[in-house]
Amino acid sequence: MLPLWGSCREATEGVFPPQRLEIPMPNSVTLAQAKDFLRVGGEDELVSLLIEAAEARVGQAAGVGLSAASPAPLRLAVLILACHAYEHRGDARPPPLSLVEPWLAPYREARL
């Protein structure tokens, strides 16, 4: 879900916090796909959160928006990061992008 906040005008009129609207974003990976990949039966909320976090990281690293039509390597990168985060959920550090660098490299823009 992508949070959208009310206008600045509303915020300055004493409405605090501004009204938050939730807009569903299409996931590149479904909850069922992620649960199959993780081999878990429950924990829908946690798995959904991990998918969203992994999609944000992959999208930012590759410089693209992700959807169900995204290339398979990017969707696989989301699954790998979500899986690593699930298996190491006690760690304070996020999963390293080095885990999925081979999948991301073809989609990164060259920077000079």
C-alpha atoms as a PDB file:
ATOM      1  CA  MET A   1       0.000   0.000   0.000  1.00  0.00           C
ATOM      2  CA  LEU A   2       1.256   3.422  -0.878  1.00  0.00           C
ATOM      3  CA  PRO A   3       0.402   6.046   1.732  1.00  0.00           C
ATOM      4  CA  LEU A   4      -0.768   9.375   0.403  1.00  0.00           C
ATOM      5  CA  TRP A   5      -1.130  12.220   2.832  1.00  0.00           C
ATOM      6  CA  GLY A   6      -3.659  15.016   2.677  1.00  0.00           C
ATOM      7  CA  SER A   7      -2.671  18.365   1.269  1.00  0.00           C
ATOM      8  CA  CYS A   8      -0.355  20.804   3.051  1.00  0.00           C
ATOM      9  CA  ARG A   9      -3.337  23.123   3.452  1.00  0.00           C
ATOM     10  CA  GLU A  10      -5.147  20.491   5.510  1.00  0.00           C
ATOM     11  CA  ALA A  11      -2.061  19.989   7.651  1.00  0.00           C
ATOM     12  CA  THR A  12      -1.827  23.701   8.402  1.00  0.00           C
ATOM     13  CA  GLU A  13      -5.507  23.933   9.341  1.00  0.00           C
ATOM     14  CA  GLY A  14      -4.904  21.935  12.488  1.00  0.00           C
ATOM     15  CA  VAL A  15      -5.686  18.502  11.091  1.00  0.00           C
ATOM     16  CA  PHE A  16      -2.875  16.453  12.568  1.00  0.00           C
ATOM     17  CA  PRO A  17      -1.896  13.990  11.357  1.00  0.00           C
ATOM     18  CA  PRO A  18      -3.197  14.642   7.854  1.00  0.00           C
ATOM     19  CA  GLN A  19      -5.700  12.122   6.548  1.00  0.00           C
ATOM     20  CA  ARG A  20      -3.977   9.059   5.163  1.00  0.00           C
ATOM     21  CA  LEU A  21      -5.322   7.301   2.086  1.00  0.00           C
ATOM     22  CA  GLU A  22      -4.282   3.750   1.240  1.00  0.00           C
ATOM     23  CA  ILE A  23      -3.901   2.867  -2.430  1.00  0.00           C
ATOM     24  CA  PRO A  24      -3.238  -0.806  -3.161  1.00  0.00           C
ATOM     25  CA  MET A  25      -0.116  -1.383  -5.214  1.00  0.00           C
ATOM     26  CA  PRO A  26       0.197  -4.470  -7.377  1.00  0.00           C
ATOM     27  CA  ASN A  27       2.813  -6.824  -6.022  1.00  0.00           C
ATOM     28  CA  SER A  28       5.387  -8.347  -8.325  1.00  0.00           C
ATOM     29  CA  VAL A  29       5.131 -11.479  -6.204  1.00  0.00           C
ATOM     30  CA  THR A  30       1.886 -12.797  -4.735  1.00  0.00           C
ATOM     31  CA  LEU A  31       1.525 -13.818  -1.139  1.00  0.00           C
ATOM     32  CA  ALA A  32       0.927 -17.413  -2.255  1.00  0.00           C
ATOM     33  CA  GLN A  33       4.116 -17.433  -4.359  1.00  0.00           C
ATOM     34  CA  ALA A  34       6.169 -16.073  -1.471  1.00  0.00           C
ATOM     35  CA  LYS A  35       4.697 -18.553   1.012  1.00  0.00           C
ATOM     36  CA  ASP A  36       5.463 -21.411  -1.381  1.00  0.00           C
ATOM     37  CA  PHE A  37       9.023 -20.131  -1.831  1.00  0.00           C
ATOM     38  CA  LEU A  38       9.444 -19.778   1.950  1.00  0.00           C
ATOM     39  CA  ARG A  39       7.638 -23.060   2.639  1.00  0.00           C
ATOM     40  CA  VAL A  40       5.480 -21.526   5.353  1.00  0.00           C
ATOM     41  CA  GLY A  41       1.795 -22.048   5.997  1.00  0.00           C
ATOM     42  CA  GLY A  42       0.762 -19.005   8.001  1.00  0.00           C
ATOM     43  CA  GLU A  43       2.206 -15.630   8.931  1.00  0.00           C
ATOM     44  CA  ASP A  44       0.437 -13.783   6.113  1.00  0.00           C
ATOM     45  CA  GLU A  45       1.042 -10.336   7.641  1.00  0.00           C
ATOM     46  CA  LEU A  46       4.762 -10.918   8.111  1.00  0.00           C
ATOM     47  CA  VAL A  47       5.246 -12.403   4.642  1.00  0.00           C
ATOM     48  CA  SER A  48       3.276  -9.529   3.062  1.00  0.00           C
ATOM     49  CA  LEU A  49       5.451  -7.017   4.892  1.00  0.00           C
ATOM     50  CA  LEU A  50       8.625  -8.770   3.730  1.00  0.00           C
ATOM     51  CA  ILE A  51       7.372  -8.782   0.123  1.00  0.00           C
ATOM     52  CA  GLU A  52       6.692  -5.036   0.253  1.00  0.00           C
ATOM     53  CA  ALA A  53      10.096  -4.303   1.797  1.00  0.00           C
ATOM     54  CA  ALA A  54      11.926  -6.516  -0.708  1.00  0.00           C
ATOM     55  CA  GLU A  55      10.037  -4.954  -3.632  1.00  0.00           C
ATOM     56  CA  ALA A  56      10.981  -1.472  -2.460  1.00  0.00           C
ATOM     57  CA  ARG A  57      14.640  -2.460  -2.190  1.00  0.00           C
ATOM     58  CA  VAL A  58      14.770  -4.226  -5.547  1.00  0.00           C
ATOM     59  CA  GLY A  59      12.874  -1.426  -7.268  1.00  0.00           C
ATOM     60  CA  GLN A  60      15.189   1.215  -5.841  1.00  0.00           C
ATOM     61  CA  ALA A  61      18.340  -0.767  -6.614  1.00  0.00           C
ATOM     62  CA  ALA A  62      17.268  -1.520 -10.184  1.00  0.00           C
ATOM     63  CA  GLY A  63      15.732   1.904 -10.738  1.00  0.00           C
ATOM     64  CA  VAL A  64      12.398   0.477 -11.911  1.00  0.00           C
ATOM     65  CA  GLY A  65       8.880   0.076 -10.604  1.00  0.00           C
ATOM     66  CA  LEU A  66       7.866  -3.521 -10.032  1.00  0.00           C
ATOM     67  CA  SER A  67       4.627  -5.212 -10.985  1.00  0.00           C
ATOM     68  CA  ALA A  68       3.362  -8.696 -11.777  1.00  0.00           C
ATOM     69  CA  ALA A  69       4.666  -8.133 -15.325  1.00  0.00           C
ATOM     70  CA  SER A  70       8.232  -7.425 -14.134  1.00  0.00           C
ATOM     71  CA  PRO A  71      10.990  -9.637 -15.552  1.00  0.00           C
ATOM     72  CA  ALA A  72      11.522 -12.948 -13.763  1.00  0.00           C
ATOM     73  CA  PRO A  73      15.018 -12.057 -12.444  1.00  0.00           C
ATOM     74  CA  LEU A  74      13.614  -9.041 -10.582  1.00  0.00           C
ATOM     75  CA  ARG A  75      10.732 -11.058  -9.150  1.00  0.00           C
ATOM     76  CA  LEU A  76      13.216 -13.751  -8.087  1.00  0.00           C
ATOM     77  CA  ALA A  77      15.337 -11.079  -6.379  1.00  0.00           C
ATOM     78  CA  VAL A  78      12.246 -10.042  -4.388  1.00  0.00           C
ATOM     79  CA  LEU A  79      11.678 -13.654  -3.320  1.00  0.00           C
ATOM     80  CA  ILE A  80      15.323 -14.128  -2.332  1.00  0.00           C
ATOM     81  CA  LEU A  81      15.423 -10.956  -0.223  1.00  0.00           C
ATOM     82  CA  ALA A  82      12.084 -11.780   1.407  1.00  0.00           C
ATOM     83  CA  CYS A  83      13.309 -15.306   2.162  1.00  0.00           C
ATOM     84  CA  HIS A  84      16.572 -14.060   3.657  1.00  0.00           C
ATOM     85  CA  ALA A  85      14.712 -11.511   5.785  1.00  0.00           C
ATOM     86  CA  TYR A  86      12.293 -14.202   6.967  1.00  0.00           C
ATOM     87  CA  GLU A  87      15.059 -16.639   7.891  1.00  0.00           C
ATOM     88  CA  HIS A  88      17.088 -13.913   9.656  1.00  0.00           C
ATOM     89  CA  ARG A  89      14.198 -11.924  11.127  1.00  0.00           C
ATOM     90  CA  GLY A  90      16.033 -11.556  14.431  1.00  0.00           C
ATOM     91  CA  ASP A  91      18.861  -9.621  12.776  1.00  0.00           C
ATOM     92  CA  ALA A  92      18.888  -5.851  12.955  1.00  0.00           C
ATOM     93  CA  ARG A  93      20.457  -5.513   9.504  1.00  0.00           C
ATOM     94  CA  PRO A  94      18.539  -5.731   6.228  1.00  0.00           C
ATOM     95  CA  PRO A  95      19.482  -8.472   3.755  1.00  0.00           C
ATOM     96  CA  PRO A  96      22.542  -7.496   1.698  1.00  0.00           C
ATOM     97  CA  LEU A  97      21.883  -6.638  -1.937  1.00  0.00           C
ATOM     98  CA  SER A  98      24.914  -8.757  -2.813  1.00  0.00           C
ATOM     99  CA  LEU A  99      22.579 -11.757  -2.487  1.00  0.00           C
ATOM    100  CA  VAL A 100      20.697 -10.638  -5.596  1.00  0.00           C
ATOM    101  CA  GLU A 101      23.274  -8.546  -7.456  1.00  0.00           C
ATOM    102  CA  PRO A 102      23.522 -11.010 -10.379  1.00  0.00           C
ATOM    103  CA  TRP A 103      19.751 -10.700 -10.858  1.00  0.00           C
ATOM    104  CA  LEU A 104      19.770  -6.898 -10.605  1.00  0.00           C
ATOM    105  CA  ALA A 105      22.853  -6.074 -12.675  1.00  0.00           C
ATOM    106  CA  PRO A 106      21.241  -6.291 -16.142  1.00  0.00           C
ATOM    107  CA  TYR A 107      18.519  -3.834 -15.071  1.00  0.00           C
ATOM    108  CA  ARG A 108      20.702  -1.177 -13.458  1.00  0.00           C
ATOM    109  CA  GLU A 109      21.411   1.980 -15.399  1.00  0.00           C
ATOM    110  CA  ALA A 110      25.071   2.621 -16.043  1.00  0.00           C
ATOM    111  CA  ARG A 111      26.279   5.670 -14.147  1.00  0.00           C
ATOM    112  CA  LEU A 112      29.318   7.596 -15.219  1.00  0.00           C
END
